[in-house]
Amino acid sequence: MVNEADRPVVHDPQYVSEHANTIYDFCLRTEDDYTANENYMGRQSDITDKMRAILVDWLVEVHLKFKLLPETLYLTVNLIDRYLEKE
């Protein structure tokens, strides 16, 4: 069943409206498991805060140029932070 908020974009495949409720439920349940520690940059020896900021600024520019969904930018930055926390 399609949520009323998704009705205007139900035919746009980029929104995967038919799976939206399942995706949001999963994300809410697992969000804490897949979030980088907020202090990881203090332990990061390969890059600085400024280098990360330059990368995120560039990602925002790409995001705006290609008119991507906000979720795409959020997930991209989340993945980068999680990777940098581990490396």
PDB file of N, CA and C in Angstrom:
ATOM      1  N   MET A   1       0.843  -1.188   0.000  1.00  0.00           N
ATOM      2  CA  MET A   1       0.000   0.000   0.000  1.00  0.00           C
ATOM      3  C   MET A   1       0.884   1.246   0.000  1.00  0.00           C
ATOM      4  N   VAL A   2       0.541   2.230  -0.786  1.00  0.00           N
ATOM      5  CA  VAL A   2       1.311   3.449  -0.927  1.00  0.00           C
ATOM      6  C   VAL A   2       0.834   4.481   0.091  1.00  0.00           C
ATOM      7  N   ASN A   3       1.783   5.070   0.795  1.00  0.00           N
ATOM      8  CA  ASN A   3       1.493   6.122   1.755  1.00  0.00           C
ATOM      9  C   ASN A   3       0.972   7.338   0.995  1.00  0.00           C
ATOM     10  N   GLU A   4       0.070   8.091   1.612  1.00  0.00           N
ATOM     11  CA  GLU A   4      -0.515   9.270   0.960  1.00  0.00           C
ATOM     12  C   GLU A   4       0.556  10.287   0.565  1.00  0.00           C
ATOM     13  N   ALA A   5       1.606  10.420   1.364  1.00  0.00           N
ATOM     14  CA  ALA A   5       2.681  11.372   1.059  1.00  0.00           C
ATOM     15  C   ALA A   5       3.456  10.953  -0.186  1.00  0.00           C
ATOM     16  N   ASP A   6       3.460   9.665  -0.512  1.00  0.00           N
ATOM     17  CA  ASP A   6       4.191   9.165  -1.675  1.00  0.00           C
ATOM     18  C   ASP A   6       3.362   9.179  -2.959  1.00  0.00           C
ATOM     19  N   ARG A   7       2.085   9.465  -2.857  1.00  0.00           N
ATOM     20  CA  ARG A   7       1.204   9.386  -4.017  1.00  0.00           C
ATOM     21  C   ARG A   7       1.680  10.239  -5.206  1.00  0.00           C
ATOM     22  N   PRO A   8       2.184  11.480  -5.004  1.00  0.00           N
ATOM     23  CA  PRO A   8       2.618  12.274  -6.169  1.00  0.00           C
ATOM     24  C   PRO A   8       3.806  11.681  -6.924  1.00  0.00           C
ATOM     25  N   VAL A   9       4.568  10.828  -6.294  1.00  0.00           N
ATOM     26  CA  VAL A   9       5.771  10.279  -6.935  1.00  0.00           C
ATOM     27  C   VAL A   9       5.677   8.772  -7.134  1.00  0.00           C
ATOM     28  N   VAL A  10       4.495   8.244  -7.080  1.00  0.00           N
ATOM     29  CA  VAL A  10       4.318   6.792  -7.135  1.00  0.00           C
ATOM     30  C   VAL A  10       4.843   6.184  -8.428  1.00  0.00           C
ATOM     31  N   HIS A  11       4.854   6.938  -9.515  1.00  0.00           N
ATOM     32  CA  HIS A  11       5.307   6.391 -10.799  1.00  0.00           C
ATOM     33  C   HIS A  11       6.762   6.731 -11.116  1.00  0.00           C
ATOM     34  N   ASP A  12       7.437   7.414 -10.186  1.00  0.00           N
ATOM     35  CA  ASP A  12       8.852   7.747 -10.389  1.00  0.00           C
ATOM     36  C   ASP A  12       9.693   6.640  -9.770  1.00  0.00           C
ATOM     37  N   PRO A  13      10.413   5.862 -10.574  1.00  0.00           N
ATOM     38  CA  PRO A  13      11.170   4.724 -10.039  1.00  0.00           C
ATOM     39  C   PRO A  13      12.268   5.125  -9.058  1.00  0.00           C
ATOM     40  N   GLN A  14      12.717   6.374  -9.103  1.00  0.00           N
ATOM     41  CA  GLN A  14      13.757   6.827  -8.192  1.00  0.00           C
ATOM     42  C   GLN A  14      13.264   6.808  -6.744  1.00  0.00           C
ATOM     43  N   TYR A  15      11.979   6.937  -6.536  1.00  0.00           N
ATOM     44  CA  TYR A  15      11.431   6.993  -5.193  1.00  0.00           C
ATOM     45  C   TYR A  15      11.067   5.630  -4.617  1.00  0.00           C
ATOM     46  N   VAL A  16      11.035   4.591  -5.406  1.00  0.00           N
ATOM     47  CA  VAL A  16      10.619   3.233  -5.010  1.00  0.00           C
ATOM     48  C   VAL A  16       9.470   3.263  -3.992  1.00  0.00           C
ATOM     49  N   SER A  17       8.425   3.978  -4.351  1.00  0.00           N
ATOM     50  CA  SER A  17       7.301   4.214  -3.436  1.00  0.00           C
ATOM     51  C   SER A  17       6.686   2.938  -2.882  1.00  0.00           C
ATOM     52  N   GLU A  18       6.657   1.896  -3.700  1.00  0.00           N
ATOM     53  CA  GLU A  18       6.017   0.662  -3.224  1.00  0.00           C
ATOM     54  C   GLU A  18       6.782   0.018  -2.076  1.00  0.00           C
ATOM     55  N   HIS A  19       8.047   0.400  -1.902  1.00  0.00           N
ATOM     56  CA  HIS A  19       8.863  -0.170  -0.818  1.00  0.00           C
ATOM     57  C   HIS A  19       9.194   0.841   0.273  1.00  0.00           C
ATOM     58  N   ALA A  20       8.668   2.051   0.170  1.00  0.00           N
ATOM     59  CA  ALA A  20       9.050   3.135   1.079  1.00  0.00           C
ATOM     60  C   ALA A  20       8.802   2.794   2.543  1.00  0.00           C
ATOM     61  N   ASN A  21       7.632   2.274   2.867  1.00  0.00           N
ATOM     62  CA  ASN A  21       7.326   1.974   4.266  1.00  0.00           C
ATOM     63  C   ASN A  21       8.271   0.927   4.838  1.00  0.00           C
ATOM     64  N   THR A  22       8.566  -0.104   4.074  1.00  0.00           N
ATOM     65  CA  THR A  22       9.478  -1.157   4.526  1.00  0.00           C
ATOM     66  C   THR A  22      10.884  -0.599   4.725  1.00  0.00           C
ATOM     67  N   ILE A  23      11.316   0.236   3.808  1.00  0.00           N
ATOM     68  CA  ILE A  23      12.653   0.833   3.904  1.00  0.00           C
ATOM     69  C   ILE A  23      12.755   1.731   5.134  1.00  0.00           C
ATOM     70  N   TYR A  24      11.775   2.589   5.348  1.00  0.00           N
ATOM     71  CA  TYR A  24      11.812   3.489   6.502  1.00  0.00           C
ATOM     72  C   TYR A  24      11.760   2.711   7.816  1.00  0.00           C
ATOM     73  N   ASP A  25      10.945   1.685   7.889  1.00  0.00           N
ATOM     74  CA  ASP A  25      10.892   0.855   9.100  1.00  0.00           C
ATOM     75  C   ASP A  25      12.252   0.228   9.386  1.00  0.00           C
ATOM     76  N   PHE A  26      12.879  -0.324   8.355  1.00  0.00           N
ATOM     77  CA  PHE A  26      14.197  -0.929   8.518  1.00  0.00           C
ATOM     78  C   PHE A  26      15.224   0.102   8.972  1.00  0.00           C
ATOM     79  N   CYS A  27      15.217   1.263   8.339  1.00  0.00           N
ATOM     80  CA  CYS A  27      16.183   2.317   8.696  1.00  0.00           C
ATOM     81  C   CYS A  27      16.013   2.772  10.143  1.00  0.00           C
ATOM     82  N   LEU A  28      14.794   2.922  10.584  1.00  0.00           N
ATOM     83  CA  LEU A  28      14.560   3.329  11.965  1.00  0.00           C
ATOM     84  C   LEU A  28      15.050   2.275  12.958  1.00  0.00           C
ATOM     85  N   ARG A  29      14.839   1.005  12.635  1.00  0.00           N
ATOM     86  CA  ARG A  29      15.255  -0.078  13.534  1.00  0.00           C
ATOM     87  C   ARG A  29      16.768  -0.214  13.612  1.00  0.00           C
ATOM     88  N   THR A  30      17.461   0.073  12.522  1.00  0.00           N
ATOM     89  CA  THR A  30      18.898  -0.205  12.462  1.00  0.00           C
ATOM     90  C   THR A  30      19.779   1.041  12.480  1.00  0.00           C
ATOM     91  N   GLU A  31      19.198   2.210  12.619  1.00  0.00           N
ATOM     92  CA  GLU A  31      19.964   3.455  12.521  1.00  0.00           C
ATOM     93  C   GLU A  31      21.132   3.502  13.507  1.00  0.00           C
ATOM     94  N   ASP A  32      20.911   3.126  14.750  1.00  0.00           N
ATOM     95  CA  ASP A  32      21.973   3.181  15.760  1.00  0.00           C
ATOM     96  C   ASP A  32      23.112   2.214  15.454  1.00  0.00           C
ATOM     97  N   ASP A  33      22.816   1.114  14.781  1.00  0.00           N
ATOM     98  CA  ASP A  33      23.852   0.132  14.445  1.00  0.00           C
ATOM     99  C   ASP A  33      24.771   0.615  13.331  1.00  0.00           C
ATOM    100  N   TYR A  34      24.324   1.560  12.541  1.00  0.00           N
ATOM    101  CA  TYR A  34      25.071   1.986  11.361  1.00  0.00           C
ATOM    102  C   TYR A  34      25.387   3.486  11.364  1.00  0.00           C
ATOM    103  N   THR A  35      25.744   3.994  12.524  1.00  0.00           N
ATOM    104  CA  THR A  35      26.111   5.398  12.656  1.00  0.00           C
ATOM    105  C   THR A  35      27.543   5.480  13.157  1.00  0.00           C
ATOM    106  N   ALA A  36      28.339   6.342  12.559  1.00  0.00           N
ATOM    107  CA  ALA A  36      29.722   6.509  12.989  1.00  0.00           C
ATOM    108  C   ALA A  36      29.768   7.202  14.347  1.00  0.00           C
ATOM    109  N   ASN A  37      30.770   6.866  15.133  1.00  0.00           N
ATOM    110  CA  ASN A  37      30.986   7.519  16.415  1.00  0.00           C
ATOM    111  C   ASN A  37      31.238   9.001  16.153  1.00  0.00           C
ATOM    112  N   GLU A  38      30.608   9.865  16.924  1.00  0.00           N
ATOM    113  CA  GLU A  38      30.716  11.306  16.659  1.00  0.00           C
ATOM    114  C   GLU A  38      32.123  11.859  16.877  1.00  0.00           C
ATOM    115  N   ASN A  39      32.990  11.139  17.567  1.00  0.00           N
ATOM    116  CA  ASN A  39      34.348  11.610  17.843  1.00  0.00           C
ATOM    117  C   ASN A  39      35.413  10.916  16.997  1.00  0.00           C
ATOM    118  N   TYR A  40      35.013  10.241  15.945  1.00  0.00           N
ATOM    119  CA  TYR A  40      35.986   9.450  15.181  1.00  0.00           C
ATOM    120  C   TYR A  40      37.064  10.304  14.519  1.00  0.00           C
ATOM    121  N   MET A  41      36.771  11.544  14.161  1.00  0.00           N
ATOM    122  CA  MET A  41      37.768  12.382  13.492  1.00  0.00           C
ATOM    123  C   MET A  41      38.953  12.693  14.409  1.00  0.00           C
ATOM    124  N   GLY A  42      38.744  12.673  15.693  1.00  0.00           N
ATOM    125  CA  GLY A  42      39.842  12.900  16.625  1.00  0.00           C
ATOM    126  C   GLY A  42      40.874  11.788  16.581  1.00  0.00           C
ATOM    127  N   ARG A  43      40.459  10.598  16.176  1.00  0.00           N
ATOM    128  CA  ARG A  43      41.359   9.441  16.070  1.00  0.00           C
ATOM    129  C   ARG A  43      41.834   9.204  14.638  1.00  0.00           C
ATOM    130  N   GLN A  44      41.299   9.961  13.700  1.00  0.00           N
ATOM    131  CA  GLN A  44      41.627   9.776  12.283  1.00  0.00           C
ATOM    132  C   GLN A  44      42.993  10.391  11.987  1.00  0.00           C
ATOM    133  N   SER A  45      43.922   9.570  11.499  1.00  0.00           N
ATOM    134  CA  SER A  45      45.280  10.068  11.245  1.00  0.00           C
ATOM    135  C   SER A  45      45.533  10.358   9.762  1.00  0.00           C
ATOM    136  N   ASP A  46      44.666   9.888   8.874  1.00  0.00           N
ATOM    137  CA  ASP A  46      44.899  10.042   7.437  1.00  0.00           C
ATOM    138  C   ASP A  46      44.334  11.329   6.848  1.00  0.00           C
ATOM    139  N   ILE A  47      43.220  11.797   7.385  1.00  0.00           N
ATOM    140  CA  ILE A  47      42.623  13.022   6.854  1.00  0.00           C
ATOM    141  C   ILE A  47      42.276  13.962   7.995  1.00  0.00           C
ATOM    142  N   THR A  48      42.107  15.239   7.656  1.00  0.00           N
ATOM    143  CA  THR A  48      41.753  16.244   8.659  1.00  0.00           C
ATOM    144  C   THR A  48      40.273  16.607   8.520  1.00  0.00           C
ATOM    145  N   ASP A  49      39.801  17.371   9.484  1.00  0.00           N
ATOM    146  CA  ASP A  49      38.421  17.859   9.413  1.00  0.00           C
ATOM    147  C   ASP A  49      38.197  18.684   8.148  1.00  0.00           C
ATOM    148  N   LYS A  50      39.204  19.479   7.789  1.00  0.00           N
ATOM    149  CA  LYS A  50      39.082  20.327   6.603  1.00  0.00           C
ATOM    150  C   LYS A  50      38.990  19.478   5.331  1.00  0.00           C
ATOM    151  N   MET A  51      39.764  18.407   5.256  1.00  0.00           N
ATOM    152  CA  MET A  51      39.716  17.529   4.084  1.00  0.00           C
ATOM    153  C   MET A  51      38.336  16.883   3.957  1.00  0.00           C
ATOM    154  N   ARG A  52      37.783  16.457   5.080  1.00  0.00           N
ATOM    155  CA  ARG A  52      36.444  15.855   5.069  1.00  0.00           C
ATOM    156  C   ARG A  52      35.416  16.898   4.629  1.00  0.00           C
ATOM    157  N   ALA A  53      35.552  18.136   5.125  1.00  0.00           N
ATOM    158  CA  ALA A  53      34.621  19.200   4.765  1.00  0.00           C
ATOM    159  C   ALA A  53      34.669  19.491   3.264  1.00  0.00           C
ATOM    160  N   ILE A  54      35.862  19.487   2.678  1.00  0.00           N
ATOM    161  CA  ILE A  54      35.993  19.705   1.234  1.00  0.00           C
ATOM    162  C   ILE A  54      35.281  18.596   0.464  1.00  0.00           C
ATOM    163  N   LEU A  55      35.464  17.359   0.901  1.00  0.00           N
ATOM    164  CA  LEU A  55      34.799  16.229   0.252  1.00  0.00           C
ATOM    165  C   LEU A  55      33.281  16.349   0.351  1.00  0.00           C
ATOM    166  N   VAL A  56      32.779  16.667   1.530  1.00  0.00           N
ATOM    167  CA  VAL A  56      31.322  16.786   1.710  1.00  0.00           C
ATOM    168  C   VAL A  56      30.781  17.958   0.898  1.00  0.00           C
ATOM    169  N   ASP A  57      31.502  19.072   0.843  1.00  0.00           N
ATOM    170  CA  ASP A  57      31.067  20.205   0.011  1.00  0.00           C
ATOM    171  C   ASP A  57      30.960  19.793  -1.455  1.00  0.00           C
ATOM    172  N   TRP A  58      31.949  19.041  -1.925  1.00  0.00           N
ATOM    173  CA  TRP A  58      31.914  18.570  -3.311  1.00  0.00           C
ATOM    174  C   TRP A  58      30.721  17.641  -3.530  1.00  0.00           C
ATOM    175  N   LEU A  59      30.472  16.764  -2.572  1.00  0.00           N
ATOM    176  CA  LEU A  59      29.326  15.854  -2.687  1.00  0.00           C
ATOM    177  C   LEU A  59      28.012  16.634  -2.754  1.00  0.00           C
ATOM    178  N   VAL A  60      27.905  17.701  -1.984  1.00  0.00           N
ATOM    179  CA  VAL A  60      26.695  18.533  -2.014  1.00  0.00           C
ATOM    180  C   VAL A  60      26.539  19.172  -3.395  1.00  0.00           C
ATOM    181  N   GLU A  61      27.635  19.652  -3.971  1.00  0.00           N
ATOM    182  CA  GLU A  61      27.565  20.234  -5.316  1.00  0.00           C
ATOM    183  C   GLU A  61      27.090  19.218  -6.346  1.00  0.00           C
ATOM    184  N   VAL A  62      27.634  18.008  -6.286  1.00  0.00           N
ATOM    185  CA  VAL A  62      27.217  16.941  -7.210  1.00  0.00           C
ATOM    186  C   VAL A  62      25.748  16.609  -6.986  1.00  0.00           C
ATOM    187  N   HIS A  63      25.373  16.523  -5.724  1.00  0.00           N
ATOM    188  CA  HIS A  63      24.002  16.211  -5.356  1.00  0.00           C
ATOM    189  C   HIS A  63      23.032  17.238  -5.949  1.00  0.00           C
ATOM    190  N   LEU A  64      23.385  18.513  -5.839  1.00  0.00           N
ATOM    191  CA  LEU A  64      22.525  19.564  -6.380  1.00  0.00           C
ATOM    192  C   LEU A  64      22.524  19.569  -7.904  1.00  0.00           C
ATOM    193  N   LYS A  65      23.689  19.358  -8.506  1.00  0.00           N
ATOM    194  CA  LYS A  65      23.777  19.367  -9.970  1.00  0.00           C
ATOM    195  C   LYS A  65      22.895  18.294 -10.590  1.00  0.00           C
ATOM    196  N   PHE A  66      22.901  17.104 -10.007  1.00  0.00           N
ATOM    197  CA  PHE A  66      22.133  15.992 -10.566  1.00  0.00           C
ATOM    198  C   PHE A  66      20.743  15.849  -9.960  1.00  0.00           C
ATOM    199  N   LYS A  67      20.379  16.789  -9.072  1.00  0.00           N
ATOM    200  CA  LYS A  67      19.040  16.814  -8.461  1.00  0.00           C
ATOM    201  C   LYS A  67      18.686  15.464  -7.836  1.00  0.00           C
ATOM    202  N   LEU A  68      19.598  14.957  -7.028  1.00  0.00           N
ATOM    203  CA  LEU A  68      19.388  13.677  -6.363  1.00  0.00           C
ATOM    204  C   LEU A  68      18.486  13.862  -5.143  1.00  0.00           C
ATOM    205  N   LEU A  69      18.018  12.766  -4.621  1.00  0.00           N
ATOM    206  CA  LEU A  69      17.170  12.806  -3.437  1.00  0.00           C
ATOM    207  C   LEU A  69      18.010  13.112  -2.201  1.00  0.00           C
ATOM    208  N   PRO A  70      17.430  13.789  -1.214  1.00  0.00           N
ATOM    209  CA  PRO A  70      18.170  14.084   0.017  1.00  0.00           C
ATOM    210  C   PRO A  70      18.721  12.825   0.686  1.00  0.00           C
ATOM    211  N   GLU A  71      17.979  11.733   0.602  1.00  0.00           N
ATOM    212  CA  GLU A  71      18.414  10.478   1.209  1.00  0.00           C
ATOM    213  C   GLU A  71      19.738   9.995   0.609  1.00  0.00           C
ATOM    214  N   THR A  72      19.952  10.276  -0.669  1.00  0.00           N
ATOM    215  CA  THR A  72      21.182   9.858  -1.334  1.00  0.00           C
ATOM    216  C   THR A  72      22.387  10.549  -0.713  1.00  0.00           C
ATOM    217  N   LEU A  73      22.274  11.844  -0.485  1.00  0.00           N
ATOM    218  CA  LEU A  73      23.371  12.590   0.139  1.00  0.00           C
ATOM    219  C   LEU A  73      23.597  12.117   1.567  1.00  0.00           C
ATOM    220  N   TYR A  74      22.516  11.943   2.313  1.00  0.00           N
ATOM    221  CA  TYR A  74      22.629  11.493   3.698  1.00  0.00           C
ATOM    222  C   TYR A  74      23.339  10.141   3.767  1.00  0.00           C
ATOM    223  N   LEU A  75      22.922   9.207   2.954  1.00  0.00           N
ATOM    224  CA  LEU A  75      23.532   7.875   2.972  1.00  0.00           C
ATOM    225  C   LEU A  75      24.991   7.904   2.527  1.00  0.00           C
ATOM    226  N   THR A  76      25.304   8.746   1.553  1.00  0.00           N
ATOM    227  CA  THR A  76      26.685   8.849   1.077  1.00  0.00           C
ATOM    228  C   THR A  76      27.605   9.352   2.184  1.00  0.00           C
ATOM    229  N   VAL A  77      27.200  10.425   2.857  1.00  0.00           N
ATOM    230  CA  VAL A  77      28.025  10.967   3.945  1.00  0.00           C
ATOM    231  C   VAL A  77      28.115   9.955   5.090  1.00  0.00           C
ATOM    232  N   ASN A  78      27.019   9.269   5.363  1.00  0.00           N
ATOM    233  CA  ASN A  78      27.024   8.244   6.408  1.00  0.00           C
ATOM    234  C   ASN A  78      28.024   7.138   6.082  1.00  0.00           C
ATOM    235  N   LEU A  79      28.021   6.671   4.847  1.00  0.00           N
ATOM    236  CA  LEU A  79      28.960   5.619   4.440  1.00  0.00           C
ATOM    237  C   LEU A  79      30.415   6.087   4.531  1.00  0.00           C
ATOM    238  N   ILE A  80      30.671   7.300   4.109  1.00  0.00           N
ATOM    239  CA  ILE A  80      32.031   7.836   4.193  1.00  0.00           C
ATOM    240  C   ILE A  80      32.477   7.924   5.650  1.00  0.00           C
ATOM    241  N   ASP A  81      31.622   8.437   6.513  1.00  0.00           N
ATOM    242  CA  ASP A  81      31.973   8.547   7.932  1.00  0.00           C
ATOM    243  C   ASP A  81      32.217   7.182   8.559  1.00  0.00           C
ATOM    244  N   ARG A  82      31.382   6.216   8.218  1.00  0.00           N
ATOM    245  CA  ARG A  82      31.569   4.867   8.772  1.00  0.00           C
ATOM    246  C   ARG A  82      32.873   4.250   8.275  1.00  0.00           C
ATOM    247  N   TYR A  83      33.206   4.476   7.023  1.00  0.00           N
ATOM    248  CA  TYR A  83      34.463   3.957   6.471  1.00  0.00           C
ATOM    249  C   TYR A  83      35.649   4.620   7.171  1.00  0.00           C
ATOM    250  N   LEU A  84      35.611   5.951   7.283  1.00  0.00           N
ATOM    251  CA  LEU A  84      36.720   6.661   7.911  1.00  0.00           C
ATOM    252  C   LEU A  84      36.880   6.291   9.384  1.00  0.00           C
ATOM    253  N   GLU A  85      35.784   5.967  10.020  1.00  0.00           N
ATOM    254  CA  GLU A  85      35.871   5.548  11.433  1.00  0.00           C
ATOM    255  C   GLU A  85      36.630   4.226  11.556  1.00  0.00           C
ATOM    256  N   LYS A  86      36.453   3.336  10.598  1.00  0.00           N
ATOM    257  CA  LYS A  86      37.072   2.015  10.653  1.00  0.00           C
ATOM    258  C   LYS A  86      38.514   2.019  10.179  1.00  0.00           C
ATOM    259  N   GLU A  87      38.860   2.937   9.285  1.00  0.00           N
ATOM    260  CA  GLU A  87      40.218   2.966   8.706  1.00  0.00           C
ATOM    261  C   GLU A  87      41.126   3.900   9.467  1.00  0.00           C
TER     262      GLU A  87
END
